[in-house]
């Protein structure tokens, strides 16, 4: 059987650390942030 492919969406979102666990970025924090207050961004 052929090798199973990685889930391409997950591959872009998660990074594997040296110890084998995974890191991910917080959602809702990428763009359109200038109009939002610091408090509002912090609570996302």
C-alpha atoms as a PDB file:
ATOM      1  CA  UNK A   1       0.000   0.000   0.000  1.00  0.00           C
ATOM      2  CA  UNK A   2       1.186   3.546  -0.666  1.00  0.00           C
ATOM      3  CA  UNK A   3       2.193   5.890   2.106  1.00  0.00           C
ATOM      4  CA  UNK A   4      -0.661   7.904   3.590  1.00  0.00           C
ATOM      5  CA  UNK A   5      -0.571  11.611   2.783  1.00  0.00           C
ATOM      6  CA  UNK A   6      -0.456  14.293   5.469  1.00  0.00           C
ATOM      7  CA  UNK A   7      -3.609  16.372   5.851  1.00  0.00           C
ATOM      8  CA  UNK A   8      -2.482  19.411   3.860  1.00  0.00           C
ATOM      9  CA  UNK A   9      -4.648  21.868   5.839  1.00  0.00           C
ATOM     10  CA  UNK A  10      -3.267  20.647   9.163  1.00  0.00           C
ATOM     11  CA  UNK A  11       0.289  20.585   7.795  1.00  0.00           C
ATOM     12  CA  UNK A  12       0.090  24.343   7.182  1.00  0.00           C
ATOM     13  CA  UNK A  13      -1.331  25.136  10.628  1.00  0.00           C
ATOM     14  CA  UNK A  14       0.682  22.993  13.037  1.00  0.00           C
ATOM     15  CA  UNK A  15       4.431  22.852  13.648  1.00  0.00           C
ATOM     16  CA  UNK A  16       6.085  19.878  15.306  1.00  0.00           C
ATOM     17  CA  UNK A  17       8.537  20.620  18.135  1.00  0.00           C
ATOM     18  CA  UNK A  18      11.734  18.684  18.817  1.00  0.00           C
ATOM     19  CA  UNK A  19      10.058  16.797  21.667  1.00  0.00           C
ATOM     20  CA  UNK A  20       7.296  15.630  19.329  1.00  0.00           C
ATOM     21  CA  UNK A  21       4.424  17.815  20.508  1.00  0.00           C
ATOM     22  CA  UNK A  22       2.697  20.335  18.258  1.00  0.00           C
ATOM     23  CA  UNK A  23       2.493  24.120  18.283  1.00  0.00           C
ATOM     24  CA  UNK A  24      -0.278  26.153  16.678  1.00  0.00           C
ATOM     25  CA  UNK A  25      -1.075  29.809  16.260  1.00  0.00           C
ATOM     26  CA  UNK A  26      -4.052  31.474  17.927  1.00  0.00           C
ATOM     27  CA  UNK A  27      -7.047  31.946  15.643  1.00  0.00           C
ATOM     28  CA  UNK A  28      -8.694  35.331  14.914  1.00  0.00           C
ATOM     29  CA  UNK A  29      -5.365  37.197  15.243  1.00  0.00           C
ATOM     30  CA  UNK A  30      -4.119  37.588  11.683  1.00  0.00           C
ATOM     31  CA  UNK A  31      -5.623  40.707  10.035  1.00  0.00           C
ATOM     32  CA  UNK A  32      -8.138  43.570  10.396  1.00  0.00           C
ATOM     33  CA  UNK A  33      -6.758  44.304  13.865  1.00  0.00           C
ATOM     34  CA  UNK A  34      -6.188  48.063  13.665  1.00  0.00           C
ATOM     35  CA  UNK A  35      -9.782  49.010  14.453  1.00  0.00           C
ATOM     36  CA  UNK A  36     -10.020  46.587  17.380  1.00  0.00           C
ATOM     37  CA  UNK A  37      -9.025  47.742  20.831  1.00  0.00           C
ATOM     38  CA  UNK A  38      -6.147  46.132  22.737  1.00  0.00           C
ATOM     39  CA  UNK A  39      -8.617  44.706  25.245  1.00  0.00           C
ATOM     40  CA  UNK A  40     -10.756  43.203  22.493  1.00  0.00           C
ATOM     41  CA  UNK A  41      -7.732  41.611  20.799  1.00  0.00           C
ATOM     42  CA  UNK A  42      -6.464  40.232  24.091  1.00  0.00           C
ATOM     43  CA  UNK A  43      -9.814  38.566  24.771  1.00  0.00           C
ATOM     44  CA  UNK A  44      -9.903  36.779  21.410  1.00  0.00           C
END
